[in-house]
Amino acid sequence: MLVGNGIVDTKGEPKFAVQTLRHAAASLFIEQGWNPKKIQTLLGHATIGMTMDTYGHLFDSAEEDLTMFAKLESDLLAA
């Protein structure tokens, strides 16, 4: 099963380092919209800063930023 899925070669040697698989998992969590604090806990990072320093660029979404700023502007003008 591991050979068939490309995780190990025919000799049973891993094709990917554990850190590579960990990074892939974190990237998928972010893509799925998981909360950064939850990802921090799962990865065992001591601080949220460590998580954001490593994976923060994956959370960026210009489209989402524009929506957030538009809402902020709307809320401020309504106050």
N, C-alpha and C. Protein backbone atom coordinates (compact mmCIF):
# COMPACT_ATOMS: atom_id res chain seq x y z
N MET A 1 0.82 -1.19 0.00
CA MET A 1 0.00 0.00 0.00
C MET A 1 0.88 1.27 0.00
N LEU A 2 1.93 1.30 0.82
CA LEU A 2 2.80 2.47 0.86
C LEU A 2 3.56 2.63 -0.45
N VAL A 3 3.98 1.51 -1.04
CA VAL A 3 4.68 1.56 -2.33
C VAL A 3 3.71 2.04 -3.40
N GLY A 4 2.53 1.47 -3.41
CA GLY A 4 1.51 1.82 -4.41
C GLY A 4 1.10 3.28 -4.36
N ASN A 5 1.13 3.84 -3.17
CA ASN A 5 0.76 5.25 -3.01
C ASN A 5 1.95 6.19 -3.12
N GLY A 6 3.13 5.63 -3.40
CA GLY A 6 4.31 6.45 -3.62
C GLY A 6 4.93 7.04 -2.36
N ILE A 7 4.64 6.45 -1.20
CA ILE A 7 5.19 6.96 0.05
C ILE A 7 6.56 6.37 0.32
N VAL A 8 6.76 5.12 -0.07
CA VAL A 8 8.07 4.48 0.04
C VAL A 8 8.44 3.91 -1.32
N ASP A 9 9.76 3.71 -1.52
CA ASP A 9 10.19 3.09 -2.77
C ASP A 9 10.06 1.57 -2.65
N THR A 10 10.47 0.88 -3.68
CA THR A 10 10.32 -0.58 -3.70
C THR A 10 11.16 -1.28 -2.63
N LYS A 11 12.17 -0.60 -2.09
CA LYS A 11 12.99 -1.16 -1.01
C LYS A 11 12.43 -0.84 0.37
N GLY A 12 11.32 -0.09 0.39
CA GLY A 12 10.70 0.28 1.66
C GLY A 12 11.27 1.54 2.28
N GLU A 13 12.14 2.22 1.52
CA GLU A 13 12.72 3.48 2.03
C GLU A 13 11.74 4.63 1.79
N PRO A 14 11.58 5.50 2.80
CA PRO A 14 10.66 6.62 2.62
C PRO A 14 11.12 7.56 1.52
N LYS A 15 10.15 8.03 0.75
CA LYS A 15 10.45 8.97 -0.33
C LYS A 15 10.43 10.42 0.16
N PHE A 16 9.83 10.64 1.31
CA PHE A 16 9.68 11.99 1.85
C PHE A 16 10.14 12.01 3.30
N ALA A 17 10.76 13.11 3.69
CA ALA A 17 11.15 13.30 5.08
C ALA A 17 9.89 13.59 5.91
N VAL A 18 9.93 13.26 7.17
CA VAL A 18 8.80 13.52 8.05
C VAL A 18 8.44 15.00 8.03
N GLN A 19 9.45 15.86 8.01
CA GLN A 19 9.21 17.31 7.99
C GLN A 19 8.45 17.72 6.73
N THR A 20 8.73 17.08 5.62
CA THR A 20 8.03 17.38 4.36
C THR A 20 6.55 17.02 4.48
N LEU A 21 6.27 15.85 5.06
CA LEU A 21 4.89 15.43 5.24
C LEU A 21 4.15 16.34 6.23
N ARG A 22 4.88 16.78 7.25
CA ARG A 22 4.31 17.69 8.26
C ARG A 22 3.94 19.02 7.60
N HIS A 23 4.83 19.55 6.77
CA HIS A 23 4.56 20.80 6.08
C HIS A 23 3.37 20.65 5.12
N ALA A 24 3.32 19.52 4.44
CA ALA A 24 2.20 19.26 3.53
C ALA A 24 0.88 19.23 4.30
N ALA A 25 0.89 18.58 5.45
CA ALA A 25 -0.33 18.51 6.27
C ALA A 25 -0.75 19.90 6.73
N ALA A 26 0.21 20.69 7.21
CA ALA A 26 -0.11 22.05 7.66
C ALA A 26 -0.68 22.87 6.51
N SER A 27 -0.10 22.74 5.34
CA SER A 27 -0.59 23.47 4.16
C SER A 27 -2.02 23.07 3.82
N LEU A 28 -2.32 21.79 3.93
CA LEU A 28 -3.69 21.32 3.66
C LEU A 28 -4.67 21.83 4.72
N PHE A 29 -4.24 21.87 5.99
CA PHE A 29 -5.09 22.41 7.05
C PHE A 29 -5.45 23.86 6.73
N ILE A 30 -4.46 24.63 6.32
CA ILE A 30 -4.67 26.05 6.00
C ILE A 30 -5.61 26.17 4.81
N GLU A 31 -5.38 25.36 3.80
CA GLU A 31 -6.24 25.38 2.61
C GLU A 31 -7.69 25.06 2.96
N GLN A 32 -7.88 24.20 3.96
CA GLN A 32 -9.22 23.82 4.40
C GLN A 32 -9.86 24.88 5.29
N GLY A 33 -9.09 25.93 5.64
CA GLY A 33 -9.65 27.02 6.44
C GLY A 33 -9.55 26.83 7.94
N TRP A 34 -8.66 25.94 8.37
CA TRP A 34 -8.50 25.72 9.81
C TRP A 34 -7.95 26.96 10.47
N ASN A 35 -8.34 27.16 11.71
CA ASN A 35 -7.89 28.28 12.53
C ASN A 35 -6.40 28.14 12.82
N PRO A 36 -5.63 29.24 12.69
CA PRO A 36 -4.19 29.17 12.96
C PRO A 36 -3.85 28.65 14.36
N LYS A 37 -4.66 28.98 15.35
CA LYS A 37 -4.40 28.52 16.71
C LYS A 37 -4.52 26.99 16.80
N LYS A 38 -5.48 26.44 16.09
CA LYS A 38 -5.66 24.99 16.08
C LYS A 38 -4.44 24.32 15.40
N ILE A 39 -3.99 24.92 14.32
CA ILE A 39 -2.82 24.39 13.61
C ILE A 39 -1.60 24.46 14.52
N GLN A 40 -1.44 25.57 15.25
CA GLN A 40 -0.34 25.69 16.20
C GLN A 40 -0.35 24.54 17.19
N THR A 41 -1.51 24.25 17.74
CA THR A 41 -1.64 23.18 18.72
C THR A 41 -1.30 21.82 18.12
N LEU A 42 -1.82 21.55 16.94
CA LEU A 42 -1.56 20.27 16.29
C LEU A 42 -0.09 20.07 15.96
N LEU A 43 0.58 21.15 15.55
CA LEU A 43 1.98 21.06 15.18
C LEU A 43 2.91 21.12 16.38
N GLY A 44 2.36 21.52 17.53
CA GLY A 44 3.17 21.59 18.74
C GLY A 44 4.07 22.81 18.80
N HIS A 45 3.73 23.85 18.07
CA HIS A 45 4.52 25.07 18.11
C HIS A 45 4.31 25.76 19.46
N ALA A 46 5.38 26.31 20.03
CA ALA A 46 5.32 26.96 21.34
C ALA A 46 4.49 28.24 21.30
N THR A 47 4.52 28.93 20.16
CA THR A 47 3.79 30.19 20.04
C THR A 47 3.07 30.27 18.70
N ILE A 48 2.05 31.12 18.66
CA ILE A 48 1.35 31.34 17.40
C ILE A 48 2.28 32.06 16.42
N GLY A 49 3.21 32.85 16.97
CA GLY A 49 4.19 33.54 16.12
C GLY A 49 5.02 32.56 15.32
N MET A 50 5.39 31.46 15.94
CA MET A 50 6.18 30.44 15.24
C MET A 50 5.38 29.86 14.08
N THR A 51 4.12 29.60 14.32
CA THR A 51 3.25 29.06 13.27
C THR A 51 3.09 30.07 12.14
N MET A 52 2.85 31.32 12.50
CA MET A 52 2.63 32.34 11.48
C MET A 52 3.92 32.69 10.75
N ASP A 53 5.06 32.63 11.44
CA ASP A 53 6.33 32.88 10.76
C ASP A 53 6.60 31.81 9.71
N THR A 54 6.19 30.59 10.00
CA THR A 54 6.43 29.48 9.09
C THR A 54 5.38 29.38 7.99
N TYR A 55 4.12 29.56 8.35
CA TYR A 55 3.03 29.31 7.40
C TYR A 55 2.17 30.53 7.08
N GLY A 56 2.50 31.67 7.65
CA GLY A 56 1.67 32.87 7.49
C GLY A 56 1.39 33.24 6.04
N HIS A 57 2.38 33.05 5.18
CA HIS A 57 2.19 33.41 3.77
C HIS A 57 1.09 32.58 3.11
N LEU A 58 0.79 31.43 3.67
CA LEU A 58 -0.25 30.59 3.09
C LEU A 58 -1.66 31.05 3.47
N PHE A 59 -1.75 31.89 4.51
CA PHE A 59 -3.05 32.41 4.93
C PHE A 59 -3.46 33.62 4.11
N ASP A 60 -2.50 34.26 3.44
CA ASP A 60 -2.79 35.49 2.71
C ASP A 60 -3.79 35.26 1.60
N SER A 61 -4.74 36.16 1.54
CA SER A 61 -5.73 36.12 0.47
C SER A 61 -6.13 37.56 0.17
N ALA A 62 -5.64 38.08 -0.91
CA ALA A 62 -5.93 39.47 -1.28
C ALA A 62 -7.42 39.71 -1.38
N GLU A 63 -8.14 38.76 -1.93
CA GLU A 63 -9.59 38.89 -2.07
C GLU A 63 -10.26 39.02 -0.71
N GLU A 64 -9.83 38.18 0.22
CA GLU A 64 -10.38 38.21 1.58
C GLU A 64 -10.02 39.52 2.27
N ASP A 65 -8.79 40.00 2.07
CA ASP A 65 -8.37 41.27 2.66
C ASP A 65 -9.26 42.41 2.18
N LEU A 66 -9.56 42.45 0.88
CA LEU A 66 -10.42 43.50 0.34
C LEU A 66 -11.80 43.46 0.97
N THR A 67 -12.33 42.27 1.14
CA THR A 67 -13.64 42.11 1.76
C THR A 67 -13.62 42.60 3.21
N MET A 68 -12.55 42.24 3.94
CA MET A 68 -12.43 42.66 5.33
C MET A 68 -12.32 44.18 5.45
N PHE A 69 -11.52 44.80 4.57
CA PHE A 69 -11.38 46.26 4.61
C PHE A 69 -12.69 46.95 4.23
N ALA A 70 -13.41 46.41 3.28
CA ALA A 70 -14.70 46.98 2.89
C ALA A 70 -15.68 46.92 4.07
N LYS A 71 -15.70 45.82 4.79
CA LYS A 71 -16.57 45.69 5.95
C LYS A 71 -16.15 46.66 7.04
N LEU A 72 -14.86 46.79 7.27
CA LEU A 72 -14.35 47.73 8.27
C LEU A 72 -14.77 49.15 7.93
N GLU A 73 -14.61 49.52 6.67
CA GLU A 73 -15.00 50.86 6.23
C GLU A 73 -16.50 51.08 6.43
N SER A 74 -17.29 50.11 6.05
CA SER A 74 -18.73 50.18 6.21
C SER A 74 -19.13 50.34 7.67
N ASP A 75 -18.50 49.54 8.54
CA ASP A 75 -18.80 49.61 9.97
C ASP A 75 -18.41 50.96 10.56
N LEU A 76 -17.26 51.49 10.12
CA LEU A 76 -16.81 52.77 10.65
C LEU A 76 -17.73 53.92 10.19
N LEU A 77 -18.16 53.85 8.96
CA LEU A 77 -19.06 54.90 8.44
C LEU A 77 -20.44 54.82 9.07
N ALA A 78 -20.85 53.64 9.48
CA ALA A 78 -22.17 53.46 10.10
C ALA A 78 -22.16 53.91 11.56
N ALA A 79 -21.00 54.01 12.17
CA ALA A 79 -20.90 54.35 13.59
C ALA A 79 -21.16 55.82 13.85
